[in-house]
Every structure is written in C-alpha cells, then in structure tokens.
C-alpha cells in the first residue's frame, strides 16, 4: 500500500499540536453556576429523567410482582406427562394416519422384538 510522501509530516504535526494543549483552570464554583443558569432557563419545566417518588415506588412494586410471578411459575412442579406407548405398529399408523404408505411398508422393517 503506497502512502503519500507528506502524510507522516501531517501526522507528526497533528501530534505536536495535541501536545501543546494546556489544562484549563476553572474558578471555584464555576460548574455549579453553569448548572444553575441552565436550570434557570428551563422555565420551571421538569426534566424527563426526574420521576416523582410515587412513580418510582410503583415501578419497583410492579417489577417485584413480575419477579414473584415468574419465580412461582418456574418453581411449581409441572404435571408429569407420560410418553405415549403404542402397542403395535398398526396403532401408530392409525394414530398418525400415514396416508402415503400402507401398513406393509411400515411393518416390513419392524424390529425383532415386535
């Protein structure tokens, strides 16, 4: 990959200009004064991220109810489901109504124990 000849000079110039940046000293209480002015210009409009305490309590209560309901559902024993036992291949064919094949096709490859 070919680079232009003066790109290294430009990189070095950018790094040198970044090194010349000096820290800024702020007077005591400057951030507080700025925040007070910002809030003063809001014309008594409450910011969106500030919620009333009652709303916070209601939200926490709802979350706790959801967690309790979820834990109750998870921890209740589920009814045991017995697997379906078919006595013969004919019962299986009749249950699932295999229309594409007849009974002989299904029973030709039966295991030796049936």
Protein backbone atom coordinates (compact mmCIF):
# COMPACT_ATOMS: atom_id res chain seq x y z
CA UNK A 1 0.00 0.00 0.00
CA UNK A 2 1.56 3.28 -1.10
CA UNK A 3 1.42 6.30 1.17
CA UNK A 4 1.77 9.89 0.18
CA UNK A 5 5.13 11.37 1.00
CA UNK A 6 3.90 14.10 3.31
CA UNK A 7 1.39 12.05 5.35
CA UNK A 8 3.95 11.32 8.06
CA UNK A 9 4.66 15.03 8.35
CA UNK A 10 0.94 15.71 8.74
CA UNK A 11 0.64 13.01 11.42
CA UNK A 12 3.59 14.46 13.32
CA UNK A 13 2.16 17.97 13.05
CA UNK A 14 -1.20 16.76 14.43
CA UNK A 15 0.52 15.03 17.35
CA UNK A 16 2.61 18.10 18.11
CA UNK A 17 -0.47 20.33 18.12
CA UNK A 18 -2.18 17.92 20.54
CA UNK A 19 0.82 18.12 22.86
CA UNK A 20 0.51 21.91 23.00
CA UNK A 21 -2.95 21.78 24.61
CA UNK A 22 -2.80 23.18 28.15
CA UNK A 23 -5.16 22.27 31.01
CA UNK A 24 -7.77 24.86 31.88
CA UNK A 25 -8.15 26.18 35.40
CA UNK A 26 -11.75 26.97 36.34
CA UNK A 27 -12.71 29.29 39.16
CA UNK A 28 -14.25 27.77 42.24
CA UNK A 29 -17.96 27.04 41.81
CA UNK A 30 -17.97 27.51 38.03
CA UNK A 31 -19.76 24.18 37.26
CA UNK A 32 -22.43 25.00 39.85
CA UNK A 33 -23.01 28.45 38.36
CA UNK A 34 -23.36 26.97 34.87
CA UNK A 35 -25.83 24.32 36.04
CA UNK A 36 -27.86 26.94 37.92
CA UNK A 37 -28.10 29.06 34.78
CA UNK A 38 -29.11 26.05 32.70
CA UNK A 39 -31.85 25.13 35.15
CA UNK A 40 -32.99 28.75 35.42
CA UNK A 41 -33.68 28.87 31.67
CA UNK A 42 -35.96 25.84 31.77
CA UNK A 43 -38.99 27.94 32.76
CA UNK A 44 -39.96 25.52 35.51
CA UNK A 45 -40.11 22.54 33.16
CA UNK A 46 -39.12 19.35 34.92
CA UNK A 47 -36.56 17.23 33.04
CA UNK A 48 -37.76 13.90 31.70
CA UNK A 49 -35.30 11.82 33.70
CA UNK A 50 -36.62 13.08 37.06
CA UNK A 51 -39.61 11.00 38.14
CA UNK A 52 -41.82 11.55 41.11
CA UNK A 53 -41.12 9.33 44.13
CA UNK A 54 -44.58 7.77 43.89
CA UNK A 55 -43.91 6.72 40.30
CA UNK A 56 -40.57 5.18 41.34
CA UNK A 57 -42.24 3.20 44.14
CA UNK A 58 -44.97 1.99 41.76
CA UNK A 59 -42.39 0.90 39.17
CA UNK A 60 -40.40 -1.04 41.78
CA UNK A 61 -43.60 -2.66 43.11
CA UNK A 62 -44.59 -3.78 39.60
CA UNK A 63 -41.12 -5.22 38.95
CA UNK A 64 -41.23 -7.14 42.23
CA UNK A 65 -44.67 -8.55 41.33
CA UNK A 66 -43.39 -9.67 37.94
CA UNK A 67 -40.40 -11.38 39.57
CA UNK A 68 -42.58 -13.14 42.16
CA UNK A 69 -44.98 -14.35 39.46
CA UNK A 70 -42.08 -15.62 37.34
CA UNK A 71 -40.48 -17.44 40.26
CA UNK A 72 -43.80 -19.02 41.21
CA UNK A 73 -44.29 -20.28 37.65
CA UNK A 74 -40.77 -21.67 37.47
CA UNK A 75 -40.82 -23.36 40.87
CA UNK A 76 -44.24 -25.02 40.66
CA UNK A 77 -43.93 -28.68 39.73
CA UNK A 78 -45.14 -29.42 36.25
CA UNK A 79 -47.52 -32.36 35.76
CA UNK A 80 -45.75 -35.46 34.61
CA UNK A 81 -46.51 -36.28 31.02
CA UNK A 82 -46.32 -39.95 30.27
CA UNK A 83 -44.93 -40.77 26.87
CA UNK A 84 -47.44 -42.29 24.50
CA UNK A 85 -46.96 -46.03 24.27
CA UNK A 86 -48.20 -47.77 21.17
CA UNK A 87 -48.89 -51.46 21.40
CA UNK A 88 -48.31 -52.23 17.75
CA UNK A 89 -47.30 -50.57 14.53
CA UNK A 90 -50.97 -50.66 13.49
CA UNK A 91 -51.85 -48.42 16.45
CA UNK A 92 -49.10 -45.98 15.43
CA UNK A 93 -50.29 -45.92 11.80
CA UNK A 94 -53.89 -45.41 12.87
CA UNK A 95 -52.94 -42.62 15.29
CA UNK A 96 -50.91 -40.58 12.81
CA UNK A 97 -52.87 -41.65 9.74
CA UNK A 98 -49.94 -42.20 7.46
CA UNK A 99 -51.61 -41.91 4.07
CA UNK A 100 -48.54 -42.11 1.87
CA UNK A 101 -47.69 -45.63 2.90
CA UNK A 102 -49.65 -48.70 3.68
CA UNK A 103 -49.29 -50.99 6.66
CA UNK A 104 -46.96 -53.38 4.86
CA UNK A 105 -44.37 -50.67 4.23
CA UNK A 106 -44.36 -49.70 7.89
CA UNK A 107 -44.32 -53.27 9.19
CA UNK A 108 -41.65 -54.67 6.86
CA UNK A 109 -38.87 -53.01 8.84
CA UNK A 110 -40.17 -53.82 12.29
CA UNK A 111 -37.62 -54.66 14.97
CA UNK A 112 -37.25 -58.24 16.04
CA UNK A 113 -38.87 -57.71 19.46
CA UNK A 114 -42.27 -56.76 17.94
